[in-house]
N, C-alpha and C. Protein backbone atom coordinates (compact mmCIF):
# COMPACT_ATOMS: atom_id res chain seq x y z
N UNK A 1 105.83 119.85 80.50
CA UNK A 1 105.51 120.71 81.40
C UNK A 1 106.66 120.80 82.41
N UNK A 2 107.23 122.11 82.63
CA UNK A 2 108.14 122.34 83.73
C UNK A 2 107.65 121.87 84.98
N UNK A 3 106.39 122.02 85.35
CA UNK A 3 105.97 121.70 86.62
C UNK A 3 106.20 120.21 86.98
N UNK A 4 105.64 119.48 85.99
CA UNK A 4 105.79 117.97 86.25
C UNK A 4 107.18 117.46 86.37
N UNK A 5 108.12 118.06 85.43
CA UNK A 5 109.60 117.86 85.56
C UNK A 5 109.98 118.04 87.03
N UNK A 6 109.57 119.09 87.65
CA UNK A 6 110.04 119.58 88.84
C UNK A 6 109.61 118.50 89.87
N UNK A 7 108.40 118.01 89.81
CA UNK A 7 107.94 116.93 90.71
C UNK A 7 108.66 115.83 90.62
N UNK A 8 109.06 115.44 89.37
CA UNK A 8 109.96 114.12 89.10
C UNK A 8 111.31 114.33 89.65
N UNK A 9 111.71 115.46 89.39
CA UNK A 9 113.16 115.84 89.92
C UNK A 9 113.29 115.87 91.61
N UNK A 10 112.23 116.42 92.19
CA UNK A 10 112.14 116.46 93.58
C UNK A 10 112.15 115.20 94.36
N UNK A 11 111.29 114.12 93.52
CA UNK A 11 111.30 112.73 94.01
C UNK A 11 112.65 112.18 93.98
N UNK A 12 113.39 112.32 92.87
CA UNK A 12 114.88 111.87 92.77
C UNK A 12 115.61 112.38 93.83
N UNK A 13 115.51 113.69 93.98
CA UNK A 13 116.53 114.24 94.89
C UNK A 13 116.24 113.86 96.34
N UNK A 14 114.91 113.67 96.75
CA UNK A 14 114.46 113.38 98.06
C UNK A 14 114.42 111.72 98.37
N UNK A 15 114.40 110.99 97.39
CA UNK A 15 114.15 109.54 97.48
C UNK A 15 114.96 108.53 96.89
N UNK A 16 115.66 108.86 95.84
CA UNK A 16 116.27 108.07 95.01
C UNK A 16 117.29 107.13 95.84
N UNK A 17 118.22 107.86 96.55
CA UNK A 17 119.35 107.08 97.35
C UNK A 17 118.82 106.21 98.13
N UNK A 18 117.86 106.23 98.88
CA UNK A 18 117.39 105.36 99.94
C UNK A 18 116.29 104.32 99.42
N UNK A 19 115.73 104.60 98.09
CA UNK A 19 114.65 103.93 97.67
C UNK A 19 115.00 102.35 97.45
N UNK A 20 114.15 101.67 97.70
CA UNK A 20 114.26 100.20 97.39
C UNK A 20 114.44 100.10 95.86
N UNK A 21 114.94 98.77 95.54
CA UNK A 21 115.12 98.51 94.27
C UNK A 21 113.85 98.44 93.51
N UNK A 22 112.72 98.04 94.21
CA UNK A 22 111.30 97.92 93.75
C UNK A 22 110.85 99.34 93.46
N UNK A 23 110.99 100.41 94.18
CA UNK A 23 110.67 101.80 93.93
C UNK A 23 111.51 102.41 92.88
N UNK A 24 112.84 101.98 92.73
CA UNK A 24 113.67 102.54 91.65
C UNK A 24 112.91 102.04 90.34
N UNK A 25 112.56 100.62 90.38
CA UNK A 25 112.02 100.14 89.10
C UNK A 25 110.80 100.77 88.70
N UNK A 26 109.91 100.99 89.75
CA UNK A 26 108.65 101.58 89.35
C UNK A 26 108.74 103.02 88.91
N UNK A 27 109.58 103.62 89.58
CA UNK A 27 109.96 105.11 89.09
C UNK A 27 110.43 105.04 87.65
N UNK A 28 111.23 104.26 87.36
CA UNK A 28 111.72 104.01 85.84
C UNK A 28 110.66 103.75 84.96
N UNK A 29 109.70 102.76 85.33
CA UNK A 29 108.49 102.34 84.56
C UNK A 29 107.60 103.59 84.43
N UNK A 30 107.47 104.56 85.60
CA UNK A 30 106.70 105.69 85.34
C UNK A 30 107.20 106.51 84.21
N UNK A 31 108.40 106.67 84.25
CA UNK A 31 109.00 107.50 83.05
C UNK A 31 108.74 107.00 81.70
N UNK A 32 108.43 105.70 81.56
CA UNK A 32 108.11 105.20 80.30
C UNK A 32 106.60 105.20 80.02
N UNK A 33 105.82 105.66 80.84
CA UNK A 33 104.44 105.75 80.53
C UNK A 33 104.24 106.91 79.58
N UNK A 34 103.22 107.01 78.56
CA UNK A 34 103.13 107.94 77.61
C UNK A 34 102.76 109.35 78.34
N UNK A 35 103.17 110.44 77.74
CA UNK A 35 103.05 111.70 78.38
C UNK A 35 101.49 111.97 78.79
N UNK A 36 100.52 111.72 78.04
CA UNK A 36 99.07 112.03 78.59
C UNK A 36 98.75 111.24 79.91
N UNK A 37 99.28 109.99 79.80
CA UNK A 37 98.92 109.19 81.11
C UNK A 37 99.94 109.76 82.24
N UNK A 38 101.04 110.17 82.01
CA UNK A 38 101.80 110.60 83.12
C UNK A 38 101.20 111.92 83.60
N UNK A 39 100.82 112.78 82.92
CA UNK A 39 100.26 114.19 83.21
C UNK A 39 98.85 113.74 83.90
N UNK A 40 97.98 112.67 83.61
CA UNK A 40 96.87 112.39 84.33
C UNK A 40 97.27 111.98 85.78
N UNK A 41 98.13 111.21 85.87
CA UNK A 41 98.76 110.61 86.99
C UNK A 41 99.15 111.78 88.08
N UNK A 42 99.92 112.57 87.42
CA UNK A 42 100.67 113.76 88.33
C UNK A 42 99.59 114.81 88.62
N UNK A 43 98.63 114.96 87.85
CA UNK A 43 97.49 116.11 88.22
C UNK A 43 96.41 115.30 88.93
N UNK A 44 96.56 114.13 89.24
CA UNK A 44 95.51 113.41 89.98
C UNK A 44 94.32 113.37 89.36
N UNK A 45 94.25 113.00 88.06
CA UNK A 45 92.95 112.88 87.17
C UNK A 45 92.75 111.48 86.70
N UNK A 46 93.84 110.60 86.97
CA UNK A 46 93.56 109.16 86.81
C UNK A 46 94.73 108.45 87.67
N UNK A 47 94.32 107.34 87.95
CA UNK A 47 95.15 106.23 88.80
C UNK A 47 95.91 105.28 88.00
N UNK A 48 97.19 105.01 88.24
CA UNK A 48 97.76 103.90 87.49
C UNK A 48 97.22 102.42 88.00
N UNK A 49 97.27 101.69 86.97
CA UNK A 49 96.83 100.29 87.29
C UNK A 49 97.80 99.62 88.11
N UNK A 50 98.86 99.86 87.89
CA UNK A 50 100.02 99.33 88.47
C UNK A 50 100.15 99.88 89.91
N UNK A 51 100.19 98.96 91.00
CA UNK A 51 100.27 99.34 92.32
C UNK A 51 101.73 99.92 92.61
N UNK A 52 102.82 99.35 92.07
CA UNK A 52 104.02 100.02 92.42
C UNK A 52 104.18 101.55 91.78
N UNK A 53 103.64 101.51 90.63
CA UNK A 53 103.65 102.92 90.01
C UNK A 53 102.77 103.76 90.97
N UNK A 54 101.62 103.50 91.19
CA UNK A 54 100.64 104.25 92.03
C UNK A 54 101.46 104.62 93.45
N UNK A 55 102.11 103.77 94.12
CA UNK A 55 102.77 104.07 95.06
C UNK A 55 103.95 105.15 94.97
N UNK A 56 104.56 105.14 93.74
CA UNK A 56 105.53 106.25 93.47
C UNK A 56 104.69 107.32 93.37
N UNK A 57 103.52 107.37 92.40
CA UNK A 57 102.80 108.58 92.30
C UNK A 57 102.49 109.35 93.73
N UNK A 58 101.88 108.49 94.61
CA UNK A 58 101.41 109.18 95.81
C UNK A 58 102.64 109.75 96.58
N UNK A 59 103.78 109.16 96.31
CA UNK A 59 104.98 109.58 96.96
C UNK A 59 105.59 111.06 96.42
N UNK A 60 105.43 110.99 95.16
CA UNK A 60 105.56 112.30 94.24
C UNK A 60 104.63 113.38 94.79
N UNK A 61 103.28 112.99 94.87
CA UNK A 61 102.28 113.96 95.17
C UNK A 61 102.13 114.38 96.74
N UNK A 62 103.12 113.71 97.53
CA UNK A 62 103.16 113.85 98.81
C UNK A 62 102.09 113.31 99.71
N UNK A 63 101.25 112.17 99.13
CA UNK A 63 100.23 111.62 99.91
C UNK A 63 100.92 110.41 100.70
N UNK A 64 99.86 110.05 101.66
CA UNK A 64 100.40 108.95 102.60
C UNK A 64 100.82 107.66 101.70
N UNK A 65 101.59 106.85 101.85
CA UNK A 65 102.17 105.89 100.94
C UNK A 65 101.96 104.41 101.77
N UNK A 66 101.23 104.54 103.00
CA UNK A 66 101.07 103.27 103.70
C UNK A 66 99.61 102.74 103.45
C-alpha cells in the first residue's frame, strides 16, 4: 500500500538521523514483520507485542511516545 510506504518513508526522513541505535533496530525489525501484521499496526488495528516496535509505531502514527 502506497500510503503505508509513505508513513514509513516519512519516519525515515524525519527521525532516522537522530534516532538511537535501539530505535533504528526497532524500525528495522518492524520492516521484517509480515505484511498483514504491519498493516494492522499502521492502521491501528493491533498492537505490537514488542515495546520497541510499539514505540516506533507510535512515532510513525504521530502519537505521544513518552
